[in-house]
Amino acid sequence: MPKMKTHKGTAKRFRRTGTGKIMRAKAFKSHILTKKSPKRIRGFRKETELDAAHTKFVSVRLGKN
């Protein structure tokens, strides 16, 4: 059986930490920033852990690392 290929679109959006968690970027940072407070915009910089509902699906698409 051939190897599973990494889904490149998924690989660009998510990363796996050393402990195995999957991290994602936050949404709502790209445009219409004038009405959003600086405190809120700063919060968008940080990555956050992917929720449990999507972790298995994304993990398969990232490949087994």
PDB file of N, CA and C in Angstrom:
ATOM      1  N   MET A   1       0.842  -1.188   0.000  1.00  0.00           N
ATOM      2  CA  MET A   1       0.000   0.000   0.000  1.00  0.00           C
ATOM      3  C   MET A   1       0.884   1.246   0.000  1.00  0.00           C
ATOM      4  N   PRO A   2       0.543   2.269  -0.813  1.00  0.00           N
ATOM      5  CA  PRO A   2       1.376   3.475  -0.847  1.00  0.00           C
ATOM      6  C   PRO A   2       1.235   4.315   0.421  1.00  0.00           C
ATOM      7  N   LYS A   3       2.217   5.193   0.604  1.00  0.00           N
ATOM      8  CA  LYS A   3       2.186   6.085   1.763  1.00  0.00           C
ATOM      9  C   LYS A   3       1.041   7.085   1.630  1.00  0.00           C
ATOM     10  N   MET A   4       0.551   7.552   2.782  1.00  0.00           N
ATOM     11  CA  MET A   4      -0.442   8.627   2.791  1.00  0.00           C
ATOM     12  C   MET A   4       0.268   9.937   2.492  1.00  0.00           C
ATOM     13  N   LYS A   5      -0.305  10.745   1.626  1.00  0.00           N
ATOM     14  CA  LYS A   5       0.285  12.048   1.335  1.00  0.00           C
ATOM     15  C   LYS A   5      -0.281  13.088   2.295  1.00  0.00           C
ATOM     16  N   THR A   6       0.551  14.053   2.649  1.00  0.00           N
ATOM     17  CA  THR A   6       0.108  15.186   3.456  1.00  0.00           C
ATOM     18  C   THR A   6      -0.745  16.086   2.592  1.00  0.00           C
ATOM     19  N   HIS A   7      -1.879  16.537   3.116  1.00  0.00           N
ATOM     20  CA  HIS A   7      -2.712  17.505   2.402  1.00  0.00           C
ATOM     21  C   HIS A   7      -2.066  18.872   2.572  1.00  0.00           C
ATOM     22  N   LYS A   8      -1.538  19.444   1.498  1.00  0.00           N
ATOM     23  CA  LYS A   8      -0.707  20.639   1.588  1.00  0.00           C
ATOM     24  C   LYS A   8      -1.486  21.865   2.071  1.00  0.00           C
ATOM     25  N   GLY A   9      -2.770  21.963   1.748  1.00  0.00           N
ATOM     26  CA  GLY A   9      -3.587  23.070   2.239  1.00  0.00           C
ATOM     27  C   GLY A   9      -3.722  23.029   3.751  1.00  0.00           C
ATOM     28  N   THR A  10      -3.858  21.824   4.288  1.00  0.00           N
ATOM     29  CA  THR A  10      -3.952  21.643   5.737  1.00  0.00           C
ATOM     30  C   THR A  10      -2.615  21.946   6.395  1.00  0.00           C
ATOM     31  N   ALA A  11      -1.528  21.514   5.762  1.00  0.00           N
ATOM     32  CA  ALA A  11      -0.185  21.713   6.323  1.00  0.00           C
ATOM     33  C   ALA A  11       0.153  23.196   6.455  1.00  0.00           C
ATOM     34  N   LYS A  12      -0.387  24.030   5.566  1.00  0.00           N
ATOM     35  CA  LYS A  12      -0.115  25.467   5.617  1.00  0.00           C
ATOM     36  C   LYS A  12      -0.913  26.166   6.718  1.00  0.00           C
ATOM     37  N   ARG A  13      -2.024  25.563   7.153  1.00  0.00           N
ATOM     38  CA  ARG A  13      -2.922  26.207   8.113  1.00  0.00           C
ATOM     39  C   ARG A  13      -2.749  25.738   9.556  1.00  0.00           C
ATOM     40  N   PHE A  14      -2.196  24.549   9.734  1.00  0.00           N
ATOM     41  CA  PHE A  14      -2.074  23.968  11.068  1.00  0.00           C
ATOM     42  C   PHE A  14      -0.652  23.506  11.315  1.00  0.00           C
ATOM     43  N   ARG A  15      -0.264  23.451  12.603  1.00  0.00           N
ATOM     44  CA  ARG A  15       1.034  22.877  12.943  1.00  0.00           C
ATOM     45  C   ARG A  15       0.875  22.023  14.185  1.00  0.00           C
ATOM     46  N   ARG A  16       1.739  21.040  14.294  1.00  0.00           N
ATOM     47  CA  ARG A  16       1.704  20.132  15.434  1.00  0.00           C
ATOM     48  C   ARG A  16       2.802  20.547  16.415  1.00  0.00           C
ATOM     49  N   THR A  17       2.476  20.603  17.688  1.00  0.00           N
ATOM     50  CA  THR A  17       3.448  20.971  18.715  1.00  0.00           C
ATOM     51  C   THR A  17       4.280  19.753  19.093  1.00  0.00           C
ATOM     52  N   GLY A  18       5.276  19.972  19.908  1.00  0.00           N
ATOM     53  CA  GLY A  18       6.118  18.881  20.383  1.00  0.00           C
ATOM     54  C   GLY A  18       5.352  17.860  21.194  1.00  0.00           C
ATOM     55  N   THR A  19       4.302  18.302  21.881  1.00  0.00           N
ATOM     56  CA  THR A  19       3.500  17.384  22.696  1.00  0.00           C
ATOM     57  C   THR A  19       2.370  16.743  21.904  1.00  0.00           C
ATOM     58  N   GLY A  20       2.229  17.114  20.620  1.00  0.00           N
ATOM     59  CA  GLY A  20       1.229  16.476  19.767  1.00  0.00           C
ATOM     60  C   GLY A  20      -0.063  17.241  19.577  1.00  0.00           C
ATOM     61  N   LYS A  21      -0.180  18.406  20.225  1.00  0.00           N
ATOM     62  CA  LYS A  21      -1.380  19.210  20.020  1.00  0.00           C
ATOM     63  C   LYS A  21      -1.346  19.835  18.633  1.00  0.00           C
ATOM     64  N   ILE A  22      -2.515  20.134  18.081  1.00  0.00           N
ATOM     65  CA  ILE A  22      -2.584  20.800  16.782  1.00  0.00           C
ATOM     66  C   ILE A  22      -3.009  22.245  17.023  1.00  0.00           C
ATOM     67  N   MET A  23      -2.206  23.167  16.493  1.00  0.00           N
ATOM     68  CA  MET A  23      -2.440  24.592  16.700  1.00  0.00           C
ATOM     69  C   MET A  23      -2.968  25.223  15.411  1.00  0.00           C
ATOM     70  N   ARG A  24      -3.815  26.247  15.568  1.00  0.00           N
ATOM     71  CA  ARG A  24      -4.374  26.966  14.429  1.00  0.00           C
ATOM     72  C   ARG A  24      -4.314  28.466  14.683  1.00  0.00           C
ATOM     73  N   ALA A  25      -4.373  29.245  13.610  1.00  0.00           N
ATOM     74  CA  ALA A  25      -4.419  30.707  13.729  1.00  0.00           C
ATOM     75  C   ALA A  25      -5.860  31.120  14.031  1.00  0.00           C
ATOM     76  N   LYS A  26      -6.020  32.303  14.589  1.00  0.00           N
ATOM     77  CA  LYS A  26      -7.355  32.805  14.891  1.00  0.00           C
ATOM     78  C   LYS A  26      -7.940  33.527  13.683  1.00  0.00           C
ATOM     79  N   ALA A  27      -9.252  33.559  13.621  1.00  0.00           N
ATOM     80  CA  ALA A  27      -9.966  34.191  12.515  1.00  0.00           C
ATOM     81  C   ALA A  27     -10.188  35.682  12.803  1.00  0.00           C
ATOM     82  N   PHE A  28     -10.728  36.406  11.825  1.00  0.00           N
ATOM     83  CA  PHE A  28     -11.168  37.810  11.939  1.00  0.00           C
ATOM     84  C   PHE A  28     -10.022  38.813  12.011  1.00  0.00           C
ATOM     85  N   LYS A  29      -8.840  38.484  11.513  1.00  0.00           N
ATOM     86  CA  LYS A  29      -7.685  39.377  11.572  1.00  0.00           C
ATOM     87  C   LYS A  29      -7.418  40.075  10.233  1.00  0.00           C
ATOM     88  N   SER A  30      -8.097  39.659   9.156  1.00  0.00           N
ATOM     89  CA  SER A  30      -7.675  40.067   7.818  1.00  0.00           C
ATOM     90  C   SER A  30      -8.172  41.447   7.358  1.00  0.00           C
ATOM     91  N   HIS A  31      -9.369  41.851   7.705  1.00  0.00           N
ATOM     92  CA  HIS A  31      -9.881  43.123   7.200  1.00  0.00           C
ATOM     93  C   HIS A  31     -10.941  43.686   8.142  1.00  0.00           C
ATOM     94  N   ILE A  32     -11.391  44.908   7.852  1.00  0.00           N
ATOM     95  CA  ILE A  32     -12.340  45.651   8.705  1.00  0.00           C
ATOM     96  C   ILE A  32     -11.802  45.728  10.139  1.00  0.00           C
ATOM     97  N   LEU A  33     -10.554  46.169  10.261  1.00  0.00           N
ATOM     98  CA  LEU A  33      -9.914  46.228  11.571  1.00  0.00           C
ATOM     99  C   LEU A  33     -10.191  47.531  12.311  1.00  0.00           C
ATOM    100  N   THR A  34     -10.747  48.526  11.616  1.00  0.00           N
ATOM    101  CA  THR A  34     -10.957  49.836  12.245  1.00  0.00           C
ATOM    102  C   THR A  34     -11.943  49.776  13.400  1.00  0.00           C
ATOM    103  N   LYS A  35     -12.933  48.920  13.303  1.00  0.00           N
ATOM    104  CA  LYS A  35     -13.936  48.841  14.371  1.00  0.00           C
ATOM    105  C   LYS A  35     -13.541  47.887  15.504  1.00  0.00           C
ATOM    106  N   LYS A  36     -12.433  47.185  15.328  1.00  0.00           N
ATOM    107  CA  LYS A  36     -11.970  46.245  16.348  1.00  0.00           C
ATOM    108  C   LYS A  36     -10.934  46.923  17.234  1.00  0.00           C
ATOM    109  N   SER A  37     -11.037  46.697  18.526  1.00  0.00           N
ATOM    110  CA  SER A  37     -10.136  47.354  19.465  1.00  0.00           C
ATOM    111  C   SER A  37      -8.718  46.794  19.334  1.00  0.00           C
ATOM    112  N   PRO A  38      -7.705  47.608  19.668  1.00  0.00           N
ATOM    113  CA  PRO A  38      -6.322  47.121  19.625  1.00  0.00           C
ATOM    114  C   PRO A  38      -6.104  45.880  20.497  1.00  0.00           C
ATOM    115  N   LYS A  39      -6.772  45.838  21.622  1.00  0.00           N
ATOM    116  CA  LYS A  39      -6.650  44.680  22.517  1.00  0.00           C
ATOM    117  C   LYS A  39      -7.162  43.419  21.820  1.00  0.00           C
ATOM    118  N   ARG A  40      -8.262  43.567  21.120  1.00  0.00           N
ATOM    119  CA  ARG A  40      -8.850  42.440  20.394  1.00  0.00           C
ATOM    120  C   ARG A  40      -7.936  41.998  19.250  1.00  0.00           C
ATOM    121  N   ILE A  41      -7.376  42.959  18.523  1.00  0.00           N
ATOM    122  CA  ILE A  41      -6.485  42.653  17.398  1.00  0.00           C
ATOM    123  C   ILE A  41      -5.221  41.946  17.889  1.00  0.00           C
ATOM    124  N   ARG A  42      -4.673  42.375  19.027  1.00  0.00           N
ATOM    125  CA  ARG A  42      -3.492  41.708  19.600  1.00  0.00           C
ATOM    126  C   ARG A  42      -3.783  40.249  19.915  1.00  0.00           C
ATOM    127  N   GLY A  43      -5.000  39.974  20.359  1.00  0.00           N
ATOM    128  CA  GLY A  43      -5.399  38.604  20.685  1.00  0.00           C
ATOM    129  C   GLY A  43      -5.426  37.688  19.476  1.00  0.00           C
ATOM    130  N   PHE A  44      -5.653  38.266  18.300  1.00  0.00           N
ATOM    131  CA  PHE A  44      -5.689  37.469  17.070  1.00  0.00           C
ATOM    132  C   PHE A  44      -4.306  36.969  16.670  1.00  0.00           C
ATOM    133  N   ARG A  45      -3.247  37.570  17.180  1.00  0.00           N
ATOM    134  CA  ARG A  45      -1.883  37.160  16.824  1.00  0.00           C
ATOM    135  C   ARG A  45      -1.545  35.774  17.346  1.00  0.00           C
ATOM    136  N   LYS A  46      -2.095  35.441  18.496  1.00  0.00           N
ATOM    137  CA  LYS A  46      -1.740  34.188  19.147  1.00  0.00           C
ATOM    138  C   LYS A  46      -2.417  33.008  18.480  1.00  0.00           C
ATOM    139  N   GLU A  47      -1.723  31.884  18.475  1.00  0.00           N
ATOM    140  CA  GLU A  47      -2.332  30.646  18.001  1.00  0.00           C
ATOM    141  C   GLU A  47      -3.164  30.062  19.131  1.00  0.00           C
ATOM    142  N   THR A  48      -4.084  29.189  18.760  1.00  0.00           N
ATOM    143  CA  THR A  48      -4.899  28.512  19.755  1.00  0.00           C
ATOM    144  C   THR A  48      -4.989  27.032  19.397  1.00  0.00           C
ATOM    145  N   GLU A  49      -5.270  26.222  20.388  1.00  0.00           N
ATOM    146  CA  GLU A  49      -5.346  24.778  20.151  1.00  0.00           C
ATOM    147  C   GLU A  49      -6.626  24.445  19.390  1.00  0.00           C
ATOM    148  N   LEU A  50      -6.526  23.512  18.478  1.00  0.00           N
ATOM    149  CA  LEU A  50      -7.675  23.056  17.708  1.00  0.00           C
ATOM    150  C   LEU A  50      -8.622  22.301  18.624  1.00  0.00           C
ATOM    151  N   ASP A  51      -9.931  22.502  18.443  1.00  0.00           N
ATOM    152  CA  ASP A  51     -10.898  21.842  19.318  1.00  0.00           C
ATOM    153  C   ASP A  51     -10.950  20.340  19.035  1.00  0.00           C
ATOM    154  N   ALA A  52     -11.412  19.605  19.999  1.00  0.00           N
ATOM    155  CA  ALA A  52     -11.404  18.144  19.942  1.00  0.00           C
ATOM    156  C   ALA A  52     -12.236  17.596  18.785  1.00  0.00           C
ATOM    157  N   ALA A  53     -13.300  18.302  18.402  1.00  0.00           N
ATOM    158  CA  ALA A  53     -14.182  17.829  17.341  1.00  0.00           C
ATOM    159  C   ALA A  53     -13.461  17.716  15.998  1.00  0.00           C
ATOM    160  N   HIS A  54     -12.463  18.565  15.741  1.00  0.00           N
ATOM    161  CA  HIS A  54     -11.773  18.583  14.450  1.00  0.00           C
ATOM    162  C   HIS A  54     -10.379  17.962  14.491  1.00  0.00           C
ATOM    163  N   THR A  55      -9.887  17.637  15.667  1.00  0.00           N
ATOM    164  CA  THR A  55      -8.505  17.187  15.813  1.00  0.00           C
ATOM    165  C   THR A  55      -8.219  15.911  15.015  1.00  0.00           C
ATOM    166  N   LYS A  56      -9.097  14.930  15.064  1.00  0.00           N
ATOM    167  CA  LYS A  56      -8.856  13.667  14.372  1.00  0.00           C
ATOM    168  C   LYS A  56      -8.805  13.871  12.858  1.00  0.00           C
ATOM    169  N   PHE A  57      -9.731  14.644  12.328  1.00  0.00           N
ATOM    170  CA  PHE A  57      -9.803  14.899  10.883  1.00  0.00           C
ATOM    171  C   PHE A  57      -8.544  15.607  10.395  1.00  0.00           C
ATOM    172  N   VAL A  58      -8.127  16.650  11.093  1.00  0.00           N
ATOM    173  CA  VAL A  58      -6.941  17.405  10.685  1.00  0.00           C
ATOM    174  C   VAL A  58      -5.682  16.564  10.854  1.00  0.00           C
ATOM    175  N   SER A  59      -5.633  15.759  11.896  1.00  0.00           N
ATOM    176  CA  SER A  59      -4.475  14.906  12.138  1.00  0.00           C
ATOM    177  C   SER A  59      -4.234  13.933  10.989  1.00  0.00           C
ATOM    178  N   VAL A  60      -5.310  13.369  10.458  1.00  0.00           N
ATOM    179  CA  VAL A  60      -5.208  12.439   9.326  1.00  0.00           C
ATOM    180  C   VAL A  60      -4.666  13.170   8.096  1.00  0.00           C
ATOM    181  N   ARG A  61      -5.160  14.404   7.872  1.00  0.00           N
ATOM    182  CA  ARG A  61      -4.728  15.170   6.694  1.00  0.00           C
ATOM    183  C   ARG A  61      -3.299  15.675   6.822  1.00  0.00           C
ATOM    184  N   LEU A  62      -2.820  15.856   8.052  1.00  0.00           N
ATOM    185  CA  LEU A  62      -1.425  16.262   8.257  1.00  0.00           C
ATOM    186  C   LEU A  62      -0.474  15.098   8.070  1.00  0.00           C
ATOM    187  N   GLY A  63      -0.979  13.887   8.190  1.00  0.00           N
ATOM    188  CA  GLY A  63      -0.126  12.712   8.095  1.00  0.00           C
ATOM    189  C   GLY A  63       0.376  12.339   9.472  1.00  0.00           C
ATOM    190  N   LYS A  64       0.830  11.138   9.596  1.00  0.00           N
ATOM    191  CA  LYS A  64       1.330  10.671  10.891  1.00  0.00           C
ATOM    192  C   LYS A  64       2.761  11.121  11.084  1.00  0.00           C
ATOM    193  N   ASN A  65       2.982  12.039  12.005  1.00  0.00           N
ATOM    194  CA  ASN A  65       4.331  12.556  12.287  1.00  0.00           C
ATOM    195  C   ASN A  65       4.813  12.009  13.602  1.00  0.00           C
TER     196      ASN A  65
END
